[in-house]
Amino acid sequence: KTDAGLYTCDIGTDVAKSKVSVQEKPTEVAKQLEDKTSPAGQDISLSCELSKADVNIRWYKDGKAIRKSQKYDLQQEGTQATLIIRDSTVKDS
């Protein structure tokens, strides 16, 4: 994006101008989530890797948004996004 701007080619007797716009590539999931199986009572960690750092991440379970709580810990560091499900139960499937 820092390359965007007005560029000119000046030959003294004539000038050519070009306006350059640079669009950022959309963020993509670089590494998908993996299926997990765990005994009840254990914490479960789900992680995915993104193509860019510091992207706004939203986690969902069965279409409902997950928010940080005693049950769920949402972490993000660089391109790594992690959801930790605390003290898992069968209902977490």
PDB file of N, CA and C in Angstrom:
ATOM      1  N   LYS A   1       0.820  -1.199   0.000  1.00  0.00           N
ATOM      2  CA  LYS A   1       0.000   0.000   0.000  1.00  0.00           C
ATOM      3  C   LYS A   1       0.859   1.255   0.000  1.00  0.00           C
ATOM      4  N   THR A   2       2.060   1.179   0.537  1.00  0.00           N
ATOM      5  CA  THR A   2       2.913   2.374   0.590  1.00  0.00           C
ATOM      6  C   THR A   2       3.409   2.780  -0.795  1.00  0.00           C
ATOM      7  N   ASP A   3       3.258   1.913  -1.794  1.00  0.00           N
ATOM      8  CA  ASP A   3       3.667   2.239  -3.161  1.00  0.00           C
ATOM      9  C   ASP A   3       2.598   3.009  -3.923  1.00  0.00           C
ATOM     10  N   ALA A   4       1.425   3.171  -3.342  1.00  0.00           N
ATOM     11  CA  ALA A   4       0.358   3.918  -4.004  1.00  0.00           C
ATOM     12  C   ALA A   4       0.738   5.390  -4.081  1.00  0.00           C
ATOM     13  N   GLY A   5       0.299   6.038  -5.162  1.00  0.00           N
ATOM     14  CA  GLY A   5       0.569   7.464  -5.304  1.00  0.00           C
ATOM     15  C   GLY A   5       0.566   7.888  -6.752  1.00  0.00           C
ATOM     16  N   LEU A   6       1.002   9.139  -6.987  1.00  0.00           N
ATOM     17  CA  LEU A   6       1.059   9.693  -8.334  1.00  0.00           C
ATOM     18  C   LEU A   6       2.497   9.596  -8.827  1.00  0.00           C
ATOM     19  N   TYR A   7       2.697   8.910  -9.933  1.00  0.00           N
ATOM     20  CA  TYR A   7       4.012   8.744 -10.539  1.00  0.00           C
ATOM     21  C   TYR A   7       4.071   9.586 -11.806  1.00  0.00           C
ATOM     22  N   THR A   8       5.221  10.191 -12.056  1.00  0.00           N
ATOM     23  CA  THR A   8       5.396  10.996 -13.256  1.00  0.00           C
ATOM     24  C   THR A   8       6.686  10.631 -13.971  1.00  0.00           C
ATOM     25  N   CYS A   9       6.632  10.778 -15.285  1.00  0.00           N
ATOM     26  CA  CYS A   9       7.804  10.607 -16.136  1.00  0.00           C
ATOM     27  C   CYS A   9       7.998  11.949 -16.843  1.00  0.00           C
ATOM     28  N   ASP A  10       9.020  12.681 -16.452  1.00  0.00           N
ATOM     29  CA  ASP A  10       9.244  14.039 -16.958  1.00  0.00           C
ATOM     30  C   ASP A  10      10.442  14.031 -17.902  1.00  0.00           C
ATOM     31  N   ILE A  11      10.206  14.419 -19.174  1.00  0.00           N
ATOM     32  CA  ILE A  11      11.301  14.468 -20.152  1.00  0.00           C
ATOM     33  C   ILE A  11      11.674  15.908 -20.491  1.00  0.00           C
ATOM     34  N   GLY A  12      11.209  16.838 -19.695  1.00  0.00           N
ATOM     35  CA  GLY A  12      11.514  18.241 -19.910  1.00  0.00           C
ATOM     36  C   GLY A  12      10.490  18.940 -20.779  1.00  0.00           C
ATOM     37  N   THR A  13      10.179  18.372 -21.937  1.00  0.00           N
ATOM     38  CA  THR A  13       9.208  18.988 -22.840  1.00  0.00           C
ATOM     39  C   THR A  13       7.814  18.398 -22.690  1.00  0.00           C
ATOM     40  N   ASP A  14       7.717  17.291 -21.984  1.00  0.00           N
ATOM     41  CA  ASP A  14       6.423  16.621 -21.800  1.00  0.00           C
ATOM     42  C   ASP A  14       6.464  15.814 -20.510  1.00  0.00           C
ATOM     43  N   VAL A  15       5.299  15.586 -19.946  1.00  0.00           N
ATOM     44  CA  VAL A  15       5.186  14.819 -18.701  1.00  0.00           C
ATOM     45  C   VAL A  15       4.077  13.789 -18.854  1.00  0.00           C
ATOM     46  N   ALA A  16       4.356  12.578 -18.435  1.00  0.00           N
ATOM     47  CA  ALA A  16       3.340  11.528 -18.374  1.00  0.00           C
ATOM     48  C   ALA A  16       3.074  11.237 -16.908  1.00  0.00           C
ATOM     49  N   LYS A  17       1.810  11.038 -16.570  1.00  0.00           N
ATOM     50  CA  LYS A  17       1.436  10.809 -15.168  1.00  0.00           C
ATOM     51  C   LYS A  17       0.627   9.526 -15.053  1.00  0.00           C
ATOM     52  N   SER A  18       0.781   8.894 -13.925  1.00  0.00           N
ATOM     53  CA  SER A  18       0.023   7.673 -13.630  1.00  0.00           C
ATOM     54  C   SER A  18      -0.324   7.648 -12.152  1.00  0.00           C
ATOM     55  N   LYS A  19      -1.571   7.396 -11.882  1.00  0.00           N
ATOM     56  CA  LYS A  19      -2.012   7.220 -10.498  1.00  0.00           C
ATOM     57  C   LYS A  19      -2.009   5.715 -10.214  1.00  0.00           C
ATOM     58  N   VAL A  20      -1.264   5.311  -9.206  1.00  0.00           N
ATOM     59  CA  VAL A  20      -1.139   3.899  -8.857  1.00  0.00           C
ATOM     60  C   VAL A  20      -1.882   3.637  -7.552  1.00  0.00           C
ATOM     61  N   SER A  21      -2.782   2.663  -7.597  1.00  0.00           N
ATOM     62  CA  SER A  21      -3.491   2.200  -6.401  1.00  0.00           C
ATOM     63  C   SER A  21      -3.092   0.753  -6.159  1.00  0.00           C
ATOM     64  N   VAL A  22      -2.848   0.417  -4.920  1.00  0.00           N
ATOM     65  CA  VAL A  22      -2.475  -0.948  -4.564  1.00  0.00           C
ATOM     66  C   VAL A  22      -3.518  -1.479  -3.587  1.00  0.00           C
ATOM     67  N   GLN A  23      -4.181  -2.558  -3.984  1.00  0.00           N
ATOM     68  CA  GLN A  23      -5.195  -3.159  -3.124  1.00  0.00           C
ATOM     69  C   GLN A  23      -4.575  -4.310  -2.351  1.00  0.00           C
ATOM     70  N   GLU A  24      -4.848  -4.343  -1.051  1.00  0.00           N
ATOM     71  CA  GLU A  24      -4.336  -5.432  -0.226  1.00  0.00           C
ATOM     72  C   GLU A  24      -5.001  -6.742  -0.593  1.00  0.00           C
ATOM     73  N   LYS A  25      -4.215  -7.804  -0.538  1.00  0.00           N
ATOM     74  CA  LYS A  25      -4.782  -9.125  -0.758  1.00  0.00           C
ATOM     75  C   LYS A  25      -5.664  -9.478   0.438  1.00  0.00           C
ATOM     76  N   PRO A  26      -6.782 -10.147   0.206  1.00  0.00           N
ATOM     77  CA  PRO A  26      -7.635 -10.529   1.336  1.00  0.00           C
ATOM     78  C   PRO A  26      -6.924 -11.556   2.223  1.00  0.00           C
ATOM     79  N   THR A  27      -7.265 -11.537   3.479  1.00  0.00           N
ATOM     80  CA  THR A  27      -6.710 -12.511   4.406  1.00  0.00           C
ATOM     81  C   THR A  27      -7.264 -13.887   4.098  1.00  0.00           C
ATOM     82  N   GLU A  28      -6.407 -14.889   4.144  1.00  0.00           N
ATOM     83  CA  GLU A  28      -6.821 -16.269   3.898  1.00  0.00           C
ATOM     84  C   GLU A  28      -6.371 -17.149   5.051  1.00  0.00           C
ATOM     85  N   VAL A  29      -7.041 -18.271   5.199  1.00  0.00           N
ATOM     86  CA  VAL A  29      -6.618 -19.268   6.180  1.00  0.00           C
ATOM     87  C   VAL A  29      -5.491 -20.078   5.542  1.00  0.00           C
ATOM     88  N   ALA A  30      -4.284 -19.957   6.103  1.00  0.00           N
ATOM     89  CA  ALA A  30      -3.113 -20.638   5.553  1.00  0.00           C
ATOM     90  C   ALA A  30      -3.027 -22.086   6.045  1.00  0.00           C
ATOM     91  N   LYS A  31      -3.518 -22.328   7.253  1.00  0.00           N
ATOM     92  CA  LYS A  31      -3.537 -23.688   7.817  1.00  0.00           C
ATOM     93  C   LYS A  31      -4.895 -23.901   8.459  1.00  0.00           C
ATOM     94  N   GLN A  32      -5.620 -24.910   7.974  1.00  0.00           N
ATOM     95  CA  GLN A  32      -6.984 -25.179   8.428  1.00  0.00           C
ATOM     96  C   GLN A  32      -7.015 -25.750   9.846  1.00  0.00           C
ATOM     97  N   LEU A  33      -8.196 -25.681  10.450  1.00  0.00           N
ATOM     98  CA  LEU A  33      -8.423 -26.338  11.739  1.00  0.00           C
ATOM     99  C   LEU A  33      -8.357 -27.848  11.545  1.00  0.00           C
ATOM    100  N   GLU A  34      -7.927 -28.554  12.567  1.00  0.00           N
ATOM    101  CA  GLU A  34      -7.886 -30.020  12.529  1.00  0.00           C
ATOM    102  C   GLU A  34      -8.956 -30.578  13.450  1.00  0.00           C
ATOM    103  N   ASP A  35      -9.568 -31.693  13.049  1.00  0.00           N
ATOM    104  CA  ASP A  35     -10.544 -32.365  13.905  1.00  0.00           C
ATOM    105  C   ASP A  35      -9.838 -32.852  15.169  1.00  0.00           C
ATOM    106  N   LYS A  36     -10.542 -32.808  16.281  1.00  0.00           N
ATOM    107  CA  LYS A  36      -9.975 -33.235  17.574  1.00  0.00           C
ATOM    108  C   LYS A  36     -10.929 -34.183  18.272  1.00  0.00           C
ATOM    109  N   THR A  37     -10.365 -35.125  18.998  1.00  0.00           N
ATOM    110  CA  THR A  37     -11.114 -36.015  19.880  1.00  0.00           C
ATOM    111  C   THR A  37     -10.409 -35.979  21.232  1.00  0.00           C
ATOM    112  N   SER A  38     -11.201 -35.813  22.290  1.00  0.00           N
ATOM    113  CA  SER A  38     -10.612 -35.674  23.614  1.00  0.00           C
ATOM    114  C   SER A  38     -11.530 -36.285  24.661  1.00  0.00           C
ATOM    115  N   PRO A  39     -10.954 -36.860  25.714  1.00  0.00           N
ATOM    116  CA  PRO A  39     -11.787 -37.328  26.820  1.00  0.00           C
ATOM    117  C   PRO A  39     -12.440 -36.137  27.525  1.00  0.00           C
ATOM    118  N   ALA A  40     -13.637 -36.347  28.036  1.00  0.00           N
ATOM    119  CA  ALA A  40     -14.328 -35.292  28.782  1.00  0.00           C
ATOM    120  C   ALA A  40     -13.456 -34.832  29.942  1.00  0.00           C
ATOM    121  N   GLY A  41     -13.537 -33.536  30.225  1.00  0.00           N
ATOM    122  CA  GLY A  41     -12.793 -32.973  31.355  1.00  0.00           C
ATOM    123  C   GLY A  41     -11.465 -32.351  30.960  1.00  0.00           C
ATOM    124  N   GLN A  42     -10.988 -32.635  29.760  1.00  0.00           N
ATOM    125  CA  GLN A  42      -9.713 -32.055  29.322  1.00  0.00           C
ATOM    126  C   GLN A  42      -9.956 -30.785  28.509  1.00  0.00           C
ATOM    127  N   ASP A  43      -8.946 -29.926  28.477  1.00  0.00           N
ATOM    128  CA  ASP A  43      -9.010 -28.748  27.624  1.00  0.00           C
ATOM    129  C   ASP A  43      -8.727 -29.170  26.182  1.00  0.00           C
ATOM    130  N   ILE A  44      -9.385 -28.508  25.253  1.00  0.00           N
ATOM    131  CA  ILE A  44      -9.174 -28.765  23.835  1.00  0.00           C
ATOM    132  C   ILE A  44      -8.709 -27.465  23.190  1.00  0.00           C
ATOM    133  N   SER A  45      -7.664 -27.558  22.390  1.00  0.00           N
ATOM    134  CA  SER A  45      -7.107 -26.398  21.716  1.00  0.00           C
ATOM    135  C   SER A  45      -7.288 -26.542  20.209  1.00  0.00           C
ATOM    136  N   LEU A  46      -7.906 -25.536  19.595  1.00  0.00           N
ATOM    137  CA  LEU A  46      -8.076 -25.492  18.139  1.00  0.00           C
ATOM    138  C   LEU A  46      -7.294 -24.294  17.616  1.00  0.00           C
ATOM    139  N   SER A  47      -6.463 -24.513  16.595  1.00  0.00           N
ATOM    140  CA  SER A  47      -5.651 -23.424  16.059  1.00  0.00           C
ATOM    141  C   SER A  47      -5.719 -23.391  14.546  1.00  0.00           C
ATOM    142  N   CYS A  48      -5.688 -22.176  14.009  1.00  0.00           N
ATOM    143  CA  CYS A  48      -5.558 -22.004  12.561  1.00  0.00           C
ATOM    144  C   CYS A  48      -4.534 -20.902  12.323  1.00  0.00           C
ATOM    145  N   GLU A  49      -3.919 -20.968  11.160  1.00  0.00           N
ATOM    146  CA  GLU A  49      -2.918 -19.967  10.797  1.00  0.00           C
ATOM    147  C   GLU A  49      -3.456 -19.143   9.635  1.00  0.00           C
ATOM    148  N   LEU A  50      -3.245 -17.830   9.726  1.00  0.00           N
ATOM    149  CA  LEU A  50      -3.755 -16.900   8.733  1.00  0.00           C
ATOM    150  C   LEU A  50      -2.625 -16.373   7.851  1.00  0.00           C
ATOM    151  N   SER A  51      -2.984 -15.823   6.704  1.00  0.00           N
ATOM    152  CA  SER A  51      -1.974 -15.296   5.790  1.00  0.00           C
ATOM    153  C   SER A  51      -1.440 -13.931   6.225  1.00  0.00           C
ATOM    154  N   LYS A  52      -2.148 -13.264   7.154  1.00  0.00           N
ATOM    155  CA  LYS A  52      -1.713 -11.968   7.674  1.00  0.00           C
ATOM    156  C   LYS A  52      -1.878 -11.938   9.182  1.00  0.00           C
ATOM    157  N   ALA A  53      -1.053 -11.122   9.824  1.00  0.00           N
ATOM    158  CA  ALA A  53      -1.123 -10.978  11.283  1.00  0.00           C
ATOM    159  C   ALA A  53      -2.168  -9.926  11.671  1.00  0.00           C
ATOM    160  N   ASP A  54      -2.586  -9.999  12.911  1.00  0.00           N
ATOM    161  CA  ASP A  54      -3.451  -8.992  13.528  1.00  0.00           C
ATOM    162  C   ASP A  54      -4.751  -8.751  12.765  1.00  0.00           C
ATOM    163  N   VAL A  55      -5.413  -9.839  12.419  1.00  0.00           N
ATOM    164  CA  VAL A  55      -6.701  -9.785  11.740  1.00  0.00           C
ATOM    165  C   VAL A  55      -7.789 -10.047  12.775  1.00  0.00           C
ATOM    166  N   ASN A  56      -8.918  -9.388  12.651  1.00  0.00           N
ATOM    167  CA  ASN A  56     -10.033  -9.597  13.571  1.00  0.00           C
ATOM    168  C   ASN A  56     -10.625 -10.995  13.350  1.00  0.00           C
ATOM    169  N   ILE A  57     -10.548 -11.839  14.371  1.00  0.00           N
ATOM    170  CA  ILE A  57     -11.008 -13.235  14.299  1.00  0.00           C
ATOM    171  C   ILE A  57     -12.302 -13.386  15.083  1.00  0.00           C
ATOM    172  N   ARG A  58     -13.235 -14.155  14.538  1.00  0.00           N
ATOM    173  CA  ARG A  58     -14.462 -14.515  15.255  1.00  0.00           C
ATOM    174  C   ARG A  58     -14.583 -16.032  15.225  1.00  0.00           C
ATOM    175  N   TRP A  59     -14.848 -16.614  16.367  1.00  0.00           N
ATOM    176  CA  TRP A  59     -15.036 -18.061  16.475  1.00  0.00           C
ATOM    177  C   TRP A  59     -16.527 -18.352  16.639  1.00  0.00           C
ATOM    178  N   TYR A  60     -16.958 -19.488  16.068  1.00  0.00           N
ATOM    179  CA  TYR A  60     -18.368 -19.899  16.145  1.00  0.00           C
ATOM    180  C   TYR A  60     -18.453 -21.384  16.468  1.00  0.00           C
ATOM    181  N   LYS A  61     -19.523 -21.763  17.160  1.00  0.00           N
ATOM    182  CA  LYS A  61     -19.862 -23.168  17.372  1.00  0.00           C
ATOM    183  C   LYS A  61     -21.307 -23.331  16.919  1.00  0.00           C
ATOM    184  N   ASP A  62     -21.512 -24.195  15.944  1.00  0.00           N
ATOM    185  CA  ASP A  62     -22.850 -24.435  15.397  1.00  0.00           C
ATOM    186  C   ASP A  62     -23.548 -23.126  15.009  1.00  0.00           C
ATOM    187  N   GLY A  63     -22.793 -22.192  14.435  1.00  0.00           N
ATOM    188  CA  GLY A  63     -23.349 -20.935  13.955  1.00  0.00           C
ATOM    189  C   GLY A  63     -23.515 -19.845  15.001  1.00  0.00           C
ATOM    190  N   LYS A  64     -23.225 -20.144  16.272  1.00  0.00           N
ATOM    191  CA  LYS A  64     -23.359 -19.150  17.341  1.00  0.00           C
ATOM    192  C   LYS A  64     -21.968 -18.631  17.722  1.00  0.00           C
ATOM    193  N   ALA A  65     -21.867 -17.313  17.872  1.00  0.00           N
ATOM    194  CA  ALA A  65     -20.593 -16.680  18.205  1.00  0.00           C
ATOM    195  C   ALA A  65     -20.099 -17.141  19.577  1.00  0.00           C
ATOM    196  N   ILE A  66     -18.788 -17.365  19.658  1.00  0.00           N
ATOM    197  CA  ILE A  66     -18.135 -17.736  20.920  1.00  0.00           C
ATOM    198  C   ILE A  66     -17.440 -16.492  21.450  1.00  0.00           C
ATOM    199  N   ARG A  67     -17.645 -16.214  22.713  1.00  0.00           N
ATOM    200  CA  ARG A  67     -16.991 -15.074  23.356  1.00  0.00           C
ATOM    201  C   ARG A  67     -16.068 -15.594  24.457  1.00  0.00           C
ATOM    202  N   LYS A  68     -15.037 -14.805  24.744  1.00  0.00           N
ATOM    203  CA  LYS A  68     -14.104 -15.167  25.803  1.00  0.00           C
ATOM    204  C   LYS A  68     -14.857 -15.264  27.127  1.00  0.00           C
ATOM    205  N   SER A  69     -14.608 -16.349  27.865  1.00  0.00           N
ATOM    206  CA  SER A  69     -15.304 -16.592  29.130  1.00  0.00           C
ATOM    207  C   SER A  69     -14.492 -17.600  29.934  1.00  0.00           C
ATOM    208  N   GLN A  70     -15.067 -18.067  31.040  1.00  0.00           N
ATOM    209  CA  GLN A  70     -14.393 -19.122  31.806  1.00  0.00           C
ATOM    210  C   GLN A  70     -14.319 -20.403  30.984  1.00  0.00           C
ATOM    211  N   LYS A  71     -15.279 -20.616  30.108  1.00  0.00           N
ATOM    212  CA  LYS A  71     -15.344 -21.818  29.269  1.00  0.00           C
ATOM    213  C   LYS A  71     -14.403 -21.721  28.067  1.00  0.00           C
ATOM    214  N   TYR A  72     -14.336 -20.535  27.449  1.00  0.00           N
ATOM    215  CA  TYR A  72     -13.567 -20.359  26.217  1.00  0.00           C
ATOM    216  C   TYR A  72     -12.478 -19.304  26.381  1.00  0.00           C
ATOM    217  N   ASP A  73     -11.290 -19.636  25.921  1.00  0.00           N
ATOM    218  CA  ASP A  73     -10.186 -18.675  25.883  1.00  0.00           C
ATOM    219  C   ASP A  73      -9.840 -18.443  24.417  1.00  0.00           C
ATOM    220  N   LEU A  74      -9.867 -17.197  23.989  1.00  0.00           N
ATOM    221  CA  LEU A  74      -9.558 -16.835  22.612  1.00  0.00           C
ATOM    222  C   LEU A  74      -8.198 -16.148  22.596  1.00  0.00           C
ATOM    223  N   GLN A  75      -7.277 -16.689  21.835  1.00  0.00           N
ATOM    224  CA  GLN A  75      -5.933 -16.132  21.779  1.00  0.00           C
ATOM    225  C   GLN A  75      -5.561 -15.847  20.330  1.00  0.00           C
ATOM    226  N   GLN A  76      -4.749 -14.823  20.158  1.00  0.00           N
ATOM    227  CA  GLN A  76      -4.244 -14.512  18.827  1.00  0.00           C
ATOM    228  C   GLN A  76      -2.866 -13.897  18.974  1.00  0.00           C
ATOM    229  N   GLU A  77      -1.907 -14.498  18.289  1.00  0.00           N
ATOM    230  CA  GLU A  77      -0.546 -13.989  18.295  1.00  0.00           C
ATOM    231  C   GLU A  77       0.001 -14.067  16.879  1.00  0.00           C
ATOM    232  N   GLY A  78       0.253 -12.913  16.298  1.00  0.00           N
ATOM    233  CA  GLY A  78       0.730 -12.883  14.917  1.00  0.00           C
ATOM    234  C   GLY A  78      -0.309 -13.477  13.987  1.00  0.00           C
ATOM    235  N   THR A  79       0.094 -14.495  13.235  1.00  0.00           N
ATOM    236  CA  THR A  79      -0.818 -15.134  12.278  1.00  0.00           C
ATOM    237  C   THR A  79      -1.534 -16.343  12.868  1.00  0.00           C
ATOM    238  N   GLN A  80      -1.282 -16.645  14.136  1.00  0.00           N
ATOM    239  CA  GLN A  80      -1.867 -17.825  14.788  1.00  0.00           C
ATOM    240  C   GLN A  80      -3.089 -17.427  15.619  1.00  0.00           C
ATOM    241  N   ALA A  81      -4.231 -18.066  15.353  1.00  0.00           N
ATOM    242  CA  ALA A  81      -5.454 -17.849  16.132  1.00  0.00           C
ATOM    243  C   ALA A  81      -5.804 -19.154  16.832  1.00  0.00           C
ATOM    244  N   THR A  82      -6.068 -19.079  18.145  1.00  0.00           N
ATOM    245  CA  THR A  82      -6.313 -20.288  18.938  1.00  0.00           C
ATOM    246  C   THR A  82      -7.561 -20.127  19.796  1.00  0.00           C
ATOM    247  N   LEU A  83      -8.370 -21.178  19.815  1.00  0.00           N
ATOM    248  CA  LEU A  83      -9.533 -21.278  20.695  1.00  0.00           C
ATOM    249  C   LEU A  83      -9.251 -22.412  21.661  1.00  0.00           C
ATOM    250  N   ILE A  84      -9.356 -22.136  22.953  1.00  0.00           N
ATOM    251  CA  ILE A  84      -9.181 -23.172  23.975  1.00  0.00           C
ATOM    252  C   ILE A  84     -10.527 -23.392  24.648  1.00  0.00           C
ATOM    253  N   ILE A  85     -10.986 -24.640  24.602  1.00  0.00           N
ATOM    254  CA  ILE A  85     -12.239 -25.018  25.261  1.00  0.00           C
ATOM    255  C   ILE A  85     -11.846 -25.650  26.589  1.00  0.00           C
ATOM    256  N   ARG A  86     -12.208 -25.015  27.671  1.00  0.00           N
ATOM    257  CA  ARG A  86     -11.829 -25.483  28.998  1.00  0.00           C
ATOM    258  C   ARG A  86     -12.782 -26.575  29.504  1.00  0.00           C
ATOM    259  N   ASP A  87     -12.205 -27.565  30.200  1.00  0.00           N
ATOM    260  CA  ASP A  87     -12.996 -28.600  30.867  1.00  0.00           C
ATOM    261  C   ASP A  87     -14.091 -29.132  29.945  1.00  0.00           C
ATOM    262  N   SER A  88     -13.677 -29.726  28.841  1.00  0.00           N
ATOM    263  CA  SER A  88     -14.617 -30.164  27.798  1.00  0.00           C
ATOM    264  C   SER A  88     -15.656 -31.168  28.306  1.00  0.00           C
ATOM    265  N   THR A  89     -16.834 -31.055  27.698  1.00  0.00           N
ATOM    266  CA  THR A  89     -17.924 -31.992  27.976  1.00  0.00           C
ATOM    267  C   THR A  89     -18.463 -32.494  26.637  1.00  0.00           C
ATOM    268  N   VAL A  90     -19.346 -33.482  26.673  1.00  0.00           N
ATOM    269  CA  VAL A  90     -19.944 -34.015  25.453  1.00  0.00           C
ATOM    270  C   VAL A  90     -20.682 -32.893  24.709  1.00  0.00           C
ATOM    271  N   LYS A  91     -21.243 -31.924  25.429  1.00  0.00           N
ATOM    272  CA  LYS A  91     -21.953 -30.805  24.804  1.00  0.00           C
ATOM    273  C   LYS A  91     -21.037 -29.951  23.921  1.00  0.00           C
ATOM    274  N   ASP A  92     -19.735 -30.060  24.112  1.00  0.00           N
ATOM    275  CA  ASP A  92     -18.786 -29.288  23.307  1.00  0.00           C
ATOM    276  C   ASP A  92     -18.565 -29.898  21.927  1.00  0.00           C
ATOM    277  N   SER A  93     -19.098 -31.099  21.700  1.00  0.00           N
ATOM    278  CA  SER A  93     -18.943 -31.754  20.382  1.00  0.00           C
ATOM    279  C   SER A  93     -19.695 -30.986  19.319  1.00  0.00           C
TER     280      SER A  93
END
